[in-house]
Amino acid sequence: MSSIGAYAFKGSGIENLTIPTSVTNIEINNYIIESTPFSGCRELSSIVVADNNPIYDSRDKCNAIIHTSSNKLVAGCASTHIPADVETVGQYAFLEIENLKGIEFTEGLKTIEYLSFCKSGLSGNVVFPSTVETIDDCAFLDNKELVSVTFPEKLEYLGWASFFECNGLEKCVFLGSTPPENGEFLNEIYVPHIIKIPVGSLSAYKNSLYMDYYFSNPSYYEEISTTSVLPNKEDENVESVYYDLFGRRVDNPQSGLYIKDGKKIFIK
């Protein structure tokens, strides 16, 4: 076997996946029904690529498939962590797995591609590292448990509909005084003060094509000092919730690996 088709395991109940040396092509489908072979595999928790595979790897026990030469993560699961040398999260990488809950976006990551986290189940607070330059169209579409998102200073492109249907969003923080290109990332304003921007940058954001709507009403935005954004003092009194790697809430976590505040933690 040298190739895995775009719908090979889509939506199946597989729990463990091993990619052998012989597999040198993992297909994705860009037409009508977008998919990777593992989209919608909600039970998948272990991904291992054979050490001597010439095209792909699962470095640092990351529970993901990485295209070695391009440092692109092409498929992940609920227990994936992104290695520090990964530069791109590929399109559909976490599409419809629905129980991701949390993942740490590491410094060095530059691009998050089309539909990569659509319906992934991502929740809580997401802070993108300073190296992220591009968040593509529909990248985080329909993650209804996302609470806040912080965009880095040097973000260049924020794709159309990248956060559409993220109905739980309470705020989005932009650290850059120059707005990213495009910027029509929300389909409506859900609560007052959802957009926070650096002091002195209001004119630039108001005059930005596609983002002007978000700044048409003073109740939609707030100017802030970026030095006060992290750590987020407003969230310190919010009770943390633990989830297992299948997205199930755990009220009394015992020893093991859990998701807390959007990050994986291990309790001894």
Protein backbone atom coordinates (compact mmCIF):
# COMPACT_ATOMS: atom_id res chain seq x y z
CA MET A 1 0.00 0.00 0.00
CA SER A 2 1.47 3.33 -1.08
CA SER A 3 -1.51 5.71 -0.90
CA ILE A 4 -4.44 6.42 1.45
CA GLY A 5 -7.52 7.86 -0.23
CA ALA A 6 -9.24 11.05 0.89
CA TYR A 7 -12.28 9.24 2.36
CA ALA A 8 -10.58 6.04 3.51
CA PHE A 9 -11.37 6.36 7.22
CA LYS A 10 -13.59 9.45 7.25
CA GLY A 11 -15.94 9.43 10.23
CA SER A 12 -14.90 5.95 11.33
CA GLY A 13 -14.36 4.73 14.89
CA ILE A 14 -10.66 3.95 14.60
CA GLU A 15 -8.71 4.60 17.79
CA ASN A 16 -5.09 3.86 16.80
CA LEU A 17 -3.36 4.54 13.50
CA THR A 18 0.05 3.44 12.27
CA ILE A 19 1.35 4.71 8.92
CA PRO A 20 3.81 2.18 7.46
CA THR A 21 6.97 2.86 5.48
CA SER A 22 5.24 2.09 2.20
CA VAL A 23 2.70 4.94 2.41
CA THR A 24 4.05 7.93 0.49
CA ASN A 25 0.82 9.69 -0.44
CA ILE A 26 -2.04 10.79 1.83
CA GLU A 27 -4.76 12.27 -0.32
CA ILE A 28 -7.00 15.21 0.46
CA ASN A 29 -10.15 16.16 -1.40
CA ASN A 30 -10.77 19.80 -2.31
CA TYR A 31 -14.07 19.33 -4.14
CA ILE A 32 -17.68 19.23 -2.93
CA ILE A 33 -16.98 17.30 0.31
CA GLU A 34 -13.62 18.44 1.65
CA SER A 35 -11.77 15.74 3.56
CA THR A 36 -8.59 14.02 4.59
CA PRO A 37 -8.65 10.25 5.16
CA PHE A 38 -9.10 10.87 8.90
CA SER A 39 -11.62 13.74 9.02
CA GLY A 40 -14.33 13.14 11.59
CA CYS A 41 -12.45 10.34 13.36
CA ARG A 42 -13.53 11.35 16.86
CA GLU A 43 -12.19 8.26 18.63
CA LEU A 44 -8.70 8.50 17.15
CA SER A 45 -6.14 9.17 19.90
CA SER A 46 -2.88 7.63 18.69
CA ILE A 47 -1.06 8.33 15.41
CA VAL A 48 2.36 6.81 14.71
CA VAL A 49 4.37 7.02 11.49
CA ALA A 50 7.04 4.38 10.89
CA ASP A 51 10.51 5.76 11.65
CA ASN A 52 11.88 5.10 8.18
CA ASN A 53 8.94 6.48 6.18
CA PRO A 54 10.55 8.66 3.45
CA ILE A 55 7.76 11.26 3.25
CA TYR A 56 5.98 11.53 6.60
CA ASP A 57 6.86 11.43 10.29
CA SER A 58 5.30 11.75 13.74
CA ARG A 59 8.22 13.49 15.42
CA ASP A 60 8.34 14.04 19.18
CA LYS A 61 5.50 11.54 19.67
CA CYS A 62 3.14 14.28 18.52
CA ASN A 63 0.23 11.97 17.56
CA ALA A 64 0.02 13.58 14.14
CA ILE A 65 1.16 13.05 10.57
CA ILE A 66 3.75 15.59 9.44
CA HIS A 67 5.04 16.04 5.91
CA THR A 68 8.75 15.90 6.67
CA SER A 69 10.30 18.14 4.00
CA SER A 70 7.78 20.98 4.38
CA ASN A 71 7.24 20.74 8.17
CA LYS A 72 3.49 20.72 7.55
CA LEU A 73 1.10 18.93 9.91
CA VAL A 74 -1.32 17.20 7.56
CA ALA A 75 -3.53 15.21 9.96
CA GLY A 76 -4.11 15.27 13.72
CA CYS A 77 -6.38 13.95 16.44
CA ALA A 78 -7.64 14.92 19.90
CA SER A 79 -4.32 14.04 21.56
CA THR A 80 -2.07 15.86 19.06
CA HIS A 81 0.54 18.37 20.19
CA ILE A 82 2.22 20.58 17.60
CA PRO A 83 6.02 20.21 17.54
CA ALA A 84 8.07 23.40 17.71
CA ASP A 85 9.48 23.01 14.20
CA VAL A 86 6.11 22.70 12.44
CA GLU A 87 5.52 25.78 10.28
CA THR A 88 2.10 24.98 8.79
CA VAL A 89 -1.10 23.28 9.90
CA GLY A 90 -2.50 21.92 6.64
CA GLN A 91 -6.00 22.21 5.30
CA TYR A 92 -8.55 19.88 6.95
CA ALA A 93 -5.92 18.64 9.46
CA PHE A 94 -8.42 18.60 12.35
CA LEU A 95 -11.64 18.81 10.34
CA GLU A 96 -14.73 17.58 12.21
CA ILE A 97 -12.94 15.66 14.94
CA GLU A 98 -15.18 17.63 17.35
CA ASN A 99 -13.33 16.75 20.59
CA LEU A 100 -10.04 18.59 20.30
CA LYS A 101 -10.91 20.99 23.16
CA GLY A 102 -7.42 22.45 23.46
CA ILE A 103 -4.12 22.63 21.62
CA GLU A 104 -1.03 24.78 22.10
CA PHE A 105 0.03 26.74 19.05
CA THR A 106 3.82 26.81 19.28
CA GLU A 107 6.29 29.56 18.39
CA GLY A 108 7.56 28.95 14.87
CA LEU A 109 4.11 28.23 13.43
CA LYS A 110 3.46 30.56 10.48
CA THR A 111 0.40 29.39 8.58
CA ILE A 112 -2.96 27.83 9.47
CA GLU A 113 -4.63 26.69 6.27
CA TYR A 114 -8.19 26.47 4.95
CA LEU A 115 -10.71 24.59 7.15
CA SER A 116 -7.87 23.16 9.24
CA PHE A 117 -9.80 23.38 12.54
CA CYS A 118 -13.38 23.53 11.25
CA LYS A 119 -15.72 21.79 13.73
CA SER A 120 -12.73 20.52 15.66
CA GLY A 121 -14.30 21.11 19.08
CA LEU A 122 -11.66 23.66 20.05
CA SER A 123 -12.73 25.53 23.19
CA GLY A 124 -11.64 28.09 25.76
CA ASN A 125 -8.99 30.71 25.13
CA VAL A 126 -6.64 30.60 22.12
CA VAL A 127 -3.47 32.71 21.94
CA PHE A 128 -1.64 32.54 18.65
CA PRO A 129 2.18 32.78 18.83
CA SER A 130 4.03 35.84 17.54
CA THR A 131 5.20 33.94 14.45
CA VAL A 132 1.75 33.34 12.92
CA GLU A 133 1.37 35.35 9.71
CA THR A 134 -1.62 33.72 7.96
CA ILE A 135 -4.93 32.33 9.19
CA ASP A 136 -6.70 31.16 6.07
CA ASP A 137 -10.37 31.25 5.07
CA CYS A 138 -12.73 29.21 7.28
CA ALA A 139 -9.78 27.96 9.35
CA PHE A 140 -11.72 27.86 12.65
CA LEU A 141 -15.26 27.77 11.31
CA ASP A 142 -17.95 26.52 13.71
CA ASN A 143 -16.15 26.05 17.04
CA LYS A 144 -18.94 27.17 19.31
CA GLU A 145 -17.06 26.75 22.61
CA LEU A 146 -14.24 29.15 21.78
CA VAL A 147 -14.29 31.98 24.34
CA SER A 148 -11.46 34.31 23.31
CA VAL A 149 -8.84 34.64 20.59
CA THR A 150 -5.65 36.72 20.67
CA PHE A 151 -4.03 37.54 17.32
CA PRO A 152 -0.29 38.34 17.11
CA GLU A 153 1.20 41.69 16.21
CA LYS A 154 2.54 40.57 12.82
CA LEU A 155 -0.55 38.76 11.55
CA GLU A 156 -0.74 39.60 7.83
CA TYR A 157 -3.86 37.76 6.64
CA LEU A 158 -7.04 36.87 8.52
CA GLY A 159 -9.23 34.88 6.16
CA TRP A 160 -12.84 35.27 5.23
CA ALA A 161 -15.15 33.39 7.61
CA SER A 162 -12.17 32.17 9.60
CA PHE A 163 -14.24 32.41 12.80
CA PHE A 164 -17.79 32.28 11.44
CA GLU A 165 -20.26 30.39 13.66
CA CYS A 166 -18.01 30.64 16.72
CA ASN A 167 -21.02 31.79 18.68
CA GLY A 168 -19.39 31.54 22.10
CA LEU A 169 -16.68 34.11 21.38
CA GLU A 170 -16.67 36.85 23.98
CA LYS A 171 -13.68 38.78 22.71
CA CYS A 172 -11.02 38.95 20.04
CA VAL A 173 -7.77 40.76 20.80
CA PHE A 174 -5.55 42.23 18.09
CA LEU A 175 -2.01 43.02 19.23
CA GLY A 176 -1.01 44.70 15.96
CA SER A 177 -1.59 48.39 15.32
CA THR A 178 -2.00 47.57 11.60
CA PRO A 179 -5.03 45.40 10.78
CA PRO A 180 -4.47 42.18 8.82
CA GLU A 181 -5.51 41.86 5.19
CA ASN A 182 -9.12 40.83 4.50
CA GLY A 183 -10.45 40.60 8.05
CA GLU A 184 -14.11 39.63 7.49
CA PHE A 185 -13.65 36.91 10.06
CA LEU A 186 -16.89 37.06 12.08
CA ASN A 187 -20.42 36.80 10.72
CA GLU A 188 -21.90 38.95 13.47
CA ILE A 189 -21.07 40.74 16.71
CA TYR A 190 -22.14 38.53 19.57
CA VAL A 191 -21.49 40.66 22.63
CA PRO A 192 -20.29 44.25 23.35
CA HIS A 193 -16.54 44.89 23.45
CA ILE A 194 -15.74 41.77 21.46
CA ILE A 195 -12.96 43.50 19.50
CA LYS A 196 -9.96 44.84 21.40
CA ILE A 197 -7.25 46.79 19.57
CA PRO A 198 -4.12 48.73 20.60
CA VAL A 199 -4.54 52.32 21.74
CA GLY A 200 -4.04 54.68 18.82
CA SER A 201 -4.91 52.19 16.09
CA LEU A 202 -8.66 52.86 15.77
CA SER A 203 -8.35 54.90 12.58
CA ALA A 204 -6.40 52.14 10.82
CA TYR A 205 -8.96 49.50 11.77
CA LYS A 206 -11.94 51.71 10.89
CA ASN A 207 -10.49 52.35 7.42
CA SER A 208 -9.68 48.70 6.78
CA LEU A 209 -11.71 47.07 4.03
CA TYR A 210 -14.01 44.38 5.43
CA MET A 211 -13.28 45.27 9.07
CA ASP A 212 -15.00 48.66 9.13
CA TYR A 213 -18.31 47.11 10.28
CA TYR A 214 -16.81 45.89 13.55
CA PHE A 215 -15.85 49.47 14.40
CA SER A 216 -19.05 51.20 13.31
CA ASN A 217 -20.45 51.18 16.84
CA PRO A 218 -18.42 52.07 19.96
CA SER A 219 -20.07 49.23 21.85
CA TYR A 220 -18.39 46.73 19.54
CA TYR A 221 -14.78 47.58 20.36
CA GLU A 222 -12.36 48.78 23.01
CA GLU A 223 -8.89 50.29 22.78
CA ILE A 224 -6.39 48.68 25.15
CA SER A 225 -2.75 48.73 26.14
CA THR A 226 -1.27 45.57 24.61
CA THR A 227 1.06 45.17 27.59
CA SER A 228 -1.99 44.40 29.73
CA VAL A 229 -3.37 41.65 27.52
CA LEU A 230 -1.26 38.71 28.69
CA PRO A 231 -1.69 37.18 31.12
CA ASN A 232 -5.44 37.72 30.95
CA LYS A 233 -6.39 38.99 34.40
CA GLU A 234 -10.10 38.94 33.57
CA ASP A 235 -10.06 35.17 33.28
CA GLU A 236 -8.22 34.35 36.49
CA ASN A 237 -11.40 33.95 38.50
CA VAL A 238 -13.11 31.69 35.97
CA GLU A 239 -13.38 28.12 37.22
CA SER A 240 -11.32 25.76 35.12
CA VAL A 241 -12.98 22.74 33.54
CA TYR A 242 -11.15 19.49 32.81
CA TYR A 243 -11.83 17.30 29.74
CA ASP A 244 -10.46 13.92 28.77
CA LEU A 245 -8.90 13.42 25.32
CA PHE A 246 -12.27 12.44 23.88
CA GLY A 247 -13.83 15.75 24.88
CA ARG A 248 -15.80 14.47 27.86
CA ARG A 249 -15.99 16.70 30.92
CA VAL A 250 -14.23 15.28 34.01
CA ASP A 251 -15.42 16.69 37.33
CA ASN A 252 -12.85 14.89 39.52
CA PRO A 253 -9.74 14.22 37.42
CA GLN A 254 -7.40 11.47 38.61
CA SER A 255 -3.93 10.57 37.33
CA GLY A 256 -3.62 10.98 33.56
CA LEU A 257 -3.67 13.38 30.62
CA TYR A 258 -6.39 16.04 30.45
CA ILE A 259 -7.36 19.27 28.69
CA LYS A 260 -7.54 22.35 30.94
CA ASP A 261 -7.90 25.98 29.77
CA GLY A 262 -7.25 24.90 26.20
CA LYS A 263 -3.98 23.08 26.99
CA LYS A 264 -3.00 19.50 27.68
CA ILE A 265 -1.79 18.82 31.23
CA PHE A 266 -0.68 15.65 33.01
CA ILE A 267 -1.84 14.92 36.56
CA LYS A 268 0.40 12.54 38.46
